Amino acid sequence: MGVWDMMYLMQQHKKALALAWSPNLSAEKQAEYAEKAEIIRQQMIRYLERVEKQIGVQEILERNL
């Protein structure tokens, strides 16, 4: 996953949150979109954790060179 994938996830998260708060949708649909937004948020968190871990490994390797 790269930067563009993260941007796509952010866009999808924003859309899902907007729909979750939309008064034009039923409570059931709002709940579905809220759940979808949470799943996307968790994907973004996992991505950022992988990036942080990778940066940490690179820093360790650079110190040992």
Protein backbone atom coordinates (compact mmCIF):
# COMPACT_ATOMS: atom_id res chain seq x y z
CA MET A 1 0.00 0.00 0.00
CA GLY A 2 1.34 3.39 -0.88
CA VAL A 3 0.52 7.05 -0.47
CA TRP A 4 -2.20 6.95 -3.12
CA ASP A 5 -3.87 4.03 -1.37
CA MET A 6 -3.84 5.97 1.90
CA MET A 7 -5.36 8.99 0.17
CA TYR A 8 -8.07 6.75 -1.28
CA LEU A 9 -8.81 5.31 2.17
CA MET A 10 -9.03 8.81 3.61
CA GLN A 11 -11.47 9.83 0.89
CA GLN A 12 -13.60 6.71 1.45
CA HIS A 13 -13.56 7.30 5.21
CA LYS A 14 -14.72 10.87 4.75
CA LYS A 15 -17.58 9.76 2.47
CA ALA A 16 -18.65 6.99 4.85
CA LEU A 17 -18.70 9.40 7.80
CA ALA A 18 -20.74 11.93 5.83
CA LEU A 19 -23.29 9.24 4.97
CA ALA A 20 -23.32 7.97 8.55
CA TRP A 21 -24.40 11.42 9.71
CA SER A 22 -26.81 12.07 6.83
CA PRO A 23 -30.34 12.81 8.10
CA ASN A 24 -31.69 11.68 4.70
CA LEU A 25 -30.82 8.03 5.39
CA SER A 26 -32.53 5.54 7.66
CA ALA A 27 -30.97 4.71 11.00
CA GLU A 28 -30.07 1.27 9.63
CA LYS A 29 -28.18 2.72 6.66
CA GLN A 30 -26.46 5.26 8.91
CA ALA A 31 -25.28 2.42 11.14
CA GLU A 32 -23.96 0.51 8.11
CA TYR A 33 -21.96 3.53 6.96
CA ALA A 34 -20.67 4.17 10.48
CA GLU A 35 -19.44 0.57 10.63
CA LYS A 36 -17.83 0.94 7.21
CA ALA A 37 -16.09 4.15 8.35
CA GLU A 38 -14.72 2.33 11.41
CA ILE A 39 -13.37 -0.52 9.27
CA ILE A 40 -11.65 1.98 6.97
CA ARG A 41 -10.23 3.83 9.99
CA GLN A 42 -8.75 0.58 11.29
CA GLN A 43 -7.17 -0.06 7.86
CA MET A 44 -5.55 3.38 7.96
CA ILE A 45 -4.23 2.74 11.47
CA ARG A 46 -2.68 -0.58 10.40
CA TYR A 47 -1.09 1.11 7.39
CA LEU A 48 0.44 3.85 9.53
CA GLU A 49 1.73 1.29 12.03
CA ARG A 50 3.45 -0.61 9.20
CA VAL A 51 5.02 2.61 7.91
CA GLU A 52 6.26 3.56 11.39
CA LYS A 53 7.73 0.09 11.86
CA GLN A 54 9.45 0.27 8.48
CA ILE A 55 10.91 3.69 9.29
CA GLY A 56 12.17 2.35 12.61
CA VAL A 57 13.89 -0.57 10.88
CA GLN A 58 15.48 1.78 8.36
CA GLU A 59 16.80 4.02 11.15
CA ILE A 60 18.33 1.03 12.92
CA LEU A 61 19.99 -0.12 9.71
CA GLU A 62 21.35 3.37 9.03
CA ARG A 63 22.86 3.59 12.54
CA ASN A 64 24.61 0.25 12.06
CA LEU A 65 26.20 1.20 8.73
